């Protein structure tokens, strides 16, 4: 990495931190998820960044991958728990951060579990640390607070225009995941639950990404959509909300997305639901390891 890249990573982190903190303050029971999503993404752009992925607003037993659709009617329920997962990029250099808010006093301990686990993990992170050592600290912290980690969700390495770039940072002591964290960008994101400790795919998909392979024989409207996504985002995730202006109707947009998914042009990201339908909490920061130093860009 060069100093200019570090500068852009830090700027993405600065924006992500501001927006995360503002979002946590404005989220309230009765508020539409669509309104909250649009405010978050607008604020990212106002501050000079772009969303690295559609903001994830995941309620209760949904752990991740829900972003509101164009005509979304879902509101934040009373006594709920809400994960707010925000990605920001500056010229493709990404910051990924998340927080959890709850409107149920009985779930405050669950929120505190992931917050404290992330804090403890960041205390031990150093150049050359093995991934499973981080996972061990996360698991012990959450377990000691009476909850379970979600074992099939993990932190991850990040590259330019690539949110998940191949390496996983487990949330438990996964003994076969012993790679060393050397120079690079990483997201550390503990998930905790009072449920089974695993997630499964749900039936709802609201987030997609471009696979990178563009077939030749596409209808004009589909070709136009694919070319616009590639120009703006390459393979970064997107949602229907961002491209409704390209089509005369919402039905036409959704049909086009459906066709492109069937052709394998788009990748679908189903919502992730806690297997035992337990409540889920998440916290996340992005770190950069550079020249023997650990920089937490989103803190």
Protein backbone atom coordinates (compact mmCIF):
# COMPACT_ATOMS: atom_id res chain seq x y z
CA UNK A 1 0.00 0.00 0.00
CA UNK A 2 1.02 3.58 -0.66
CA UNK A 3 0.47 6.62 1.55
CA UNK A 4 -2.22 7.89 -0.85
CA UNK A 5 -4.18 4.67 -0.41
CA UNK A 6 -3.94 4.97 3.37
CA UNK A 7 -5.28 8.50 3.12
CA UNK A 8 -8.35 7.29 1.21
CA UNK A 9 -8.91 4.38 3.61
CA UNK A 10 -8.79 6.80 6.55
CA UNK A 11 -11.21 9.17 4.85
CA UNK A 12 -13.67 6.34 4.16
CA UNK A 13 -13.39 5.38 7.83
CA UNK A 14 -13.94 8.94 8.99
CA UNK A 15 -17.15 9.21 6.97
CA UNK A 16 -18.35 5.77 8.09
CA UNK A 17 -17.86 6.64 11.76
CA UNK A 18 -19.83 9.89 11.49
CA UNK A 19 -22.71 8.22 9.66
CA UNK A 20 -22.80 5.21 12.01
CA UNK A 21 -23.04 7.45 15.07
CA UNK A 22 -25.71 9.66 13.50
CA UNK A 23 -27.76 6.65 12.35
CA UNK A 24 -27.74 5.14 15.85
CA UNK A 25 -29.15 8.38 17.26
CA UNK A 26 -31.99 8.81 14.76
CA UNK A 27 -33.24 5.19 14.60
CA UNK A 28 -36.48 4.95 16.62
CA UNK A 29 -39.49 2.61 16.88
CA UNK A 30 -42.08 3.50 14.25
CA UNK A 31 -39.49 4.82 11.78
CA UNK A 32 -39.55 3.26 8.32
CA UNK A 33 -36.43 1.32 7.43
CA UNK A 34 -36.62 2.90 3.98
CA UNK A 35 -36.42 6.39 5.46
CA UNK A 36 -33.45 5.43 7.64
CA UNK A 37 -31.61 3.79 4.72
CA UNK A 38 -32.08 6.80 2.47
CA UNK A 39 -30.89 9.19 5.18
CA UNK A 40 -27.77 7.09 5.80
CA UNK A 41 -26.83 6.75 2.13
CA UNK A 42 -27.54 10.43 1.43
CA UNK A 43 -25.31 11.41 4.35
CA UNK A 44 -22.46 9.22 3.07
CA UNK A 45 -22.60 11.08 -0.24
CA UNK A 46 -22.88 14.49 1.42
CA UNK A 47 -19.64 13.77 3.27
CA UNK A 48 -17.81 12.88 0.07
CA UNK A 49 -18.02 9.08 0.01
CA UNK A 50 -20.12 6.48 -1.75
CA UNK A 51 -21.89 3.48 -0.19
CA UNK A 52 -19.64 0.43 -0.49
CA UNK A 53 -22.82 -1.64 -0.23
CA UNK A 54 -26.49 -0.88 0.48
CA UNK A 55 -26.85 -0.16 4.18
CA UNK A 56 -27.91 -3.33 6.02
CA UNK A 57 -30.77 -2.71 8.45
CA UNK A 58 -31.42 -6.09 10.02
CA UNK A 59 -34.09 -6.55 12.71
CA UNK A 60 -34.28 -9.05 15.55
CA UNK A 61 -33.43 -12.59 14.33
CA UNK A 62 -32.18 -11.30 10.97
CA UNK A 63 -28.40 -11.03 11.32
CA UNK A 64 -27.48 -9.37 8.02
CA UNK A 65 -28.21 -8.63 4.36
CA UNK A 66 -31.52 -6.81 4.59
CA UNK A 67 -31.78 -3.46 2.86
CA UNK A 68 -35.14 -1.81 2.18
CA UNK A 69 -36.74 -2.14 -1.26
CA UNK A 70 -38.28 0.71 -3.26
CA UNK A 71 -41.79 0.43 -1.79
CA UNK A 72 -40.73 -0.90 1.64
CA UNK A 73 -43.33 -0.53 4.40
CA UNK A 74 -41.36 -2.11 7.27
CA UNK A 75 -41.02 0.05 10.37
CA UNK A 76 -38.80 -0.46 13.40
CA UNK A 77 -40.94 -2.34 15.95
CA UNK A 78 -41.18 -1.60 19.66
CA UNK A 79 -38.88 -3.77 21.79
CA UNK A 80 -36.75 -4.66 18.78
CA UNK A 81 -33.03 -4.92 18.16
CA UNK A 82 -31.58 -3.34 14.99
CA UNK A 83 -28.21 -3.94 13.35
CA UNK A 84 -26.95 -0.99 11.27
CA UNK A 85 -24.11 -2.14 8.98
CA UNK A 86 -22.56 0.63 6.88
CA UNK A 87 -19.96 0.49 4.11
CA UNK A 88 -18.25 3.54 2.65
CA UNK A 89 -15.76 3.73 -0.18
CA UNK A 90 -13.57 6.54 -1.44
CA UNK A 91 -12.25 5.68 -4.92
CA UNK A 92 -12.82 1.99 -4.11
CA UNK A 93 -11.01 2.10 -0.76
CA UNK A 94 -13.45 0.70 1.79
CA UNK A 95 -14.45 1.14 5.42
CA UNK A 96 -16.95 -1.33 6.87
CA UNK A 97 -18.54 -0.65 10.26
CA UNK A 98 -21.60 -1.67 12.24
CA UNK A 99 -23.44 -0.97 15.44
CA UNK A 100 -26.52 -2.34 17.15
CA UNK A 101 -29.30 -0.43 18.89
CA UNK A 102 -32.09 -1.93 20.94
CA UNK A 103 -35.38 -0.58 22.20
CA UNK A 104 -35.80 -3.44 24.67
CA UNK A 105 -33.98 -3.22 28.04
CA UNK A 106 -33.87 -7.03 28.21
CA UNK A 107 -31.58 -7.07 25.14
CA UNK A 108 -29.08 -4.48 26.31
CA UNK A 109 -26.75 -7.22 27.59
CA UNK A 110 -26.72 -8.81 24.13
CA UNK A 111 -25.75 -5.48 22.57
CA UNK A 112 -23.04 -4.98 25.18
CA UNK A 113 -21.64 -8.46 24.44
CA UNK A 114 -20.62 -7.68 20.86
CA UNK A 115 -19.51 -4.16 21.75
CA UNK A 116 -17.18 -5.49 24.45
CA UNK A 117 -16.00 -8.39 22.29
CA UNK A 118 -14.98 -5.99 19.53
CA UNK A 119 -13.21 -3.77 22.04
CA UNK A 120 -11.27 -6.75 23.45
CA UNK A 121 -10.40 -8.01 19.96
CA UNK A 122 -8.99 -4.63 18.95
CA UNK A 123 -6.86 -4.61 22.09
CA UNK A 124 -5.04 -7.79 21.03
CA UNK A 125 -4.74 -7.10 17.29
CA UNK A 126 -1.16 -6.64 16.16
CA UNK A 127 0.78 -7.28 12.94
CA UNK A 128 1.28 -11.03 12.59
CA UNK A 129 -1.50 -12.12 14.94
CA UNK A 130 -3.26 -15.28 13.84
CA UNK A 131 -6.93 -15.02 12.89
CA UNK A 132 -8.05 -17.71 15.34
CA UNK A 133 -6.43 -15.80 18.23
CA UNK A 134 -8.80 -12.91 17.53
CA UNK A 135 -11.71 -15.36 17.34
CA UNK A 136 -10.75 -16.87 20.70
CA UNK A 137 -10.93 -13.47 22.42
CA UNK A 138 -14.30 -12.71 20.79
CA UNK A 139 -15.80 -16.07 21.75
CA UNK A 140 -14.57 -15.95 25.35
CA UNK A 141 -15.90 -12.43 25.86
CA UNK A 142 -19.36 -13.21 24.48
CA UNK A 143 -19.58 -16.59 26.24
CA UNK A 144 -18.64 -15.01 29.59
CA UNK A 145 -21.57 -12.63 29.17
CA UNK A 146 -24.00 -15.52 28.74
CA UNK A 147 -24.43 -15.52 24.95
CA UNK A 148 -23.25 -17.47 21.90
CA UNK A 149 -21.16 -16.27 18.98
CA UNK A 150 -22.59 -16.93 15.54
CA UNK A 151 -20.02 -19.37 14.23
CA UNK A 152 -20.79 -19.17 10.52
CA UNK A 153 -20.42 -15.38 10.35
CA UNK A 154 -16.98 -13.84 10.42
CA UNK A 155 -14.83 -10.82 9.84
CA UNK A 156 -12.95 -10.59 6.56
CA UNK A 157 -10.13 -9.13 4.55
CA UNK A 158 -10.95 -6.18 2.29
CA UNK A 159 -9.40 -5.04 -0.98
CA UNK A 160 -10.04 -2.18 -3.35
CA UNK A 161 -13.62 -2.46 -4.70
CA UNK A 162 -13.88 -5.82 -2.91
CA UNK A 163 -15.64 -6.13 0.45
CA UNK A 164 -14.75 -9.79 1.08
CA UNK A 165 -11.38 -10.49 -0.48
CA UNK A 166 -10.82 -14.10 0.55
CA UNK A 167 -9.64 -14.23 4.16
CA UNK A 168 -11.98 -14.83 7.13
CA UNK A 169 -11.48 -13.70 10.73
CA UNK A 170 -13.56 -16.12 12.80
CA UNK A 171 -15.64 -15.20 15.83
CA UNK A 172 -14.40 -18.29 17.68
CA UNK A 173 -11.16 -20.23 18.08
CA UNK A 174 -11.26 -21.92 14.69
CA UNK A 175 -8.00 -23.87 14.84
CA UNK A 176 -7.77 -24.36 11.07
CA UNK A 177 -7.94 -20.60 10.46
CA UNK A 178 -4.45 -19.60 11.52
CA UNK A 179 -3.40 -17.17 8.82
CA UNK A 180 -1.42 -14.18 10.03
CA UNK A 181 -2.78 -10.66 9.66
CA UNK A 182 -0.03 -8.79 7.88
CA UNK A 183 -0.19 -5.55 5.85
CA UNK A 184 -3.73 -5.11 4.56
CA UNK A 185 -7.28 -4.09 5.40
CA UNK A 186 -9.54 -6.19 7.64
CA UNK A 187 -13.02 -5.98 9.15
CA UNK A 188 -13.51 -7.46 12.60
CA UNK A 189 -17.20 -8.06 13.35
CA UNK A 190 -18.44 -10.07 16.31
CA UNK A 191 -22.02 -11.41 16.15
CA UNK A 192 -23.76 -12.65 19.30
CA UNK A 193 -27.11 -14.30 19.89
CA UNK A 194 -29.35 -15.84 22.54
CA UNK A 195 -30.33 -18.45 19.93
CA UNK A 196 -28.60 -21.42 18.29
CA UNK A 197 -25.34 -19.72 17.28
CA UNK A 198 -25.63 -20.22 13.52
CA UNK A 199 -27.39 -18.43 10.66
CA UNK A 200 -29.24 -19.86 7.67
CA UNK A 201 -30.28 -18.29 4.39
CA UNK A 202 -33.73 -16.70 4.41
CA UNK A 203 -36.06 -16.49 1.41
CA UNK A 204 -35.76 -12.72 0.88
CA UNK A 205 -33.12 -11.14 -1.37
CA UNK A 206 -32.71 -7.36 -1.55
CA UNK A 207 -28.94 -7.08 -2.22
CA UNK A 208 -27.06 -8.11 -5.37
CA UNK A 209 -23.69 -7.73 -7.01
CA UNK A 210 -22.37 -7.96 -10.54
CA UNK A 211 -20.44 -11.16 -11.16
CA UNK A 212 -18.12 -9.48 -13.63
CA UNK A 213 -19.07 -11.61 -16.65
CA UNK A 214 -21.37 -9.72 -19.01
CA UNK A 215 -23.17 -11.85 -21.67
CA UNK A 216 -23.47 -10.38 -25.15
CA UNK A 217 -27.09 -11.13 -25.97
CA UNK A 218 -28.84 -9.07 -23.32
CA UNK A 219 -32.00 -7.02 -23.90
CA UNK A 220 -31.20 -3.32 -24.22
CA UNK A 221 -32.68 -2.39 -20.83
CA UNK A 222 -30.69 -5.15 -19.09
CA UNK A 223 -27.50 -4.17 -20.89
CA UNK A 224 -27.98 -0.55 -19.87
CA UNK A 225 -28.43 -1.55 -16.22
CA UNK A 226 -25.38 -3.83 -16.19
CA UNK A 227 -23.15 -1.24 -17.86
CA UNK A 228 -24.22 1.45 -15.40
CA UNK A 229 -23.54 -0.80 -12.41
CA UNK A 230 -20.12 -1.79 -13.76
CA UNK A 231 -19.17 1.83 -14.42
CA UNK A 232 -20.29 3.01 -10.96
CA UNK A 233 -19.52 0.02 -8.73
CA UNK A 234 -17.62 -2.72 -10.53
CA UNK A 235 -18.51 -5.74 -8.38
CA UNK A 236 -19.54 -3.88 -5.21
CA UNK A 237 -23.05 -4.80 -3.97
CA UNK A 238 -26.10 -2.76 -4.97
CA UNK A 239 -29.87 -2.70 -4.51
CA UNK A 240 -32.92 -1.94 -6.62
CA UNK A 241 -33.46 1.44 -4.93
CA UNK A 242 -30.42 2.90 -6.67
CA UNK A 243 -31.56 2.09 -10.22
CA UNK A 244 -35.32 2.70 -10.20
CA UNK A 245 -34.83 5.80 -12.40
CA UNK A 246 -33.57 3.69 -15.31
CA UNK A 247 -36.93 1.97 -15.78
CA UNK A 248 -40.45 3.12 -16.51
CA UNK A 249 -41.91 0.96 -13.76
CA UNK A 250 -40.84 -0.91 -10.66
CA UNK A 251 -42.16 -4.13 -12.20
CA UNK A 252 -39.85 -3.69 -15.20
CA UNK A 253 -36.83 -3.12 -12.93
CA UNK A 254 -37.61 -6.19 -10.83
CA UNK A 255 -38.19 -8.40 -13.87
CA UNK A 256 -34.85 -7.30 -15.31
CA UNK A 257 -33.04 -8.06 -12.06
CA UNK A 258 -34.75 -11.47 -11.93
CA UNK A 259 -33.63 -12.29 -15.49
CA UNK A 260 -30.03 -11.24 -14.77
CA UNK A 261 -29.96 -13.38 -11.63
CA UNK A 262 -31.20 -16.40 -13.61
CA UNK A 263 -28.53 -15.81 -16.27
CA UNK A 264 -25.84 -15.70 -13.58
CA UNK A 265 -24.95 -12.09 -14.28
CA UNK A 266 -25.93 -11.01 -10.76
CA UNK A 267 -25.07 -12.69 -7.47
CA UNK A 268 -27.89 -12.75 -4.89
CA UNK A 269 -27.32 -12.25 -1.16
CA UNK A 270 -30.23 -13.76 0.81
CA UNK A 271 -30.98 -12.37 4.24
CA UNK A 272 -29.23 -14.31 7.01
CA UNK A 273 -31.54 -15.51 9.77
CA UNK A 274 -30.51 -16.90 13.16
CA UNK A 275 -31.17 -20.62 12.98
CA UNK A 276 -32.97 -20.78 16.34
CA UNK A 277 -34.72 -17.44 15.68
CA UNK A 278 -32.75 -15.88 18.53
CA UNK A 279 -32.07 -12.17 18.72
CA UNK A 280 -28.79 -11.01 17.13
CA UNK A 281 -26.31 -8.25 17.94
CA UNK A 282 -23.35 -7.05 15.82
CA UNK A 283 -20.51 -4.54 16.12
CA UNK A 284 -17.78 -3.94 13.57
CA UNK A 285 -14.68 -1.87 12.88
CA UNK A 286 -12.21 -1.77 10.00
CA UNK A 287 -8.49 -1.92 10.65
CA UNK A 288 -5.50 -1.25 8.41
CA UNK A 289 -2.17 -2.91 9.17
CA UNK A 290 0.56 -0.79 7.61
CA UNK A 291 4.29 -0.47 8.32
CA UNK A 292 4.03 -2.33 11.61
CA UNK A 293 1.11 -0.21 12.85
CA UNK A 294 -2.58 -1.01 13.40
CA UNK A 295 -4.89 1.82 12.31
CA UNK A 296 -8.57 1.55 13.29
CA UNK A 297 -10.14 3.66 10.55
CA UNK A 298 -13.74 3.62 11.82
CA UNK A 299 -13.14 4.34 15.51
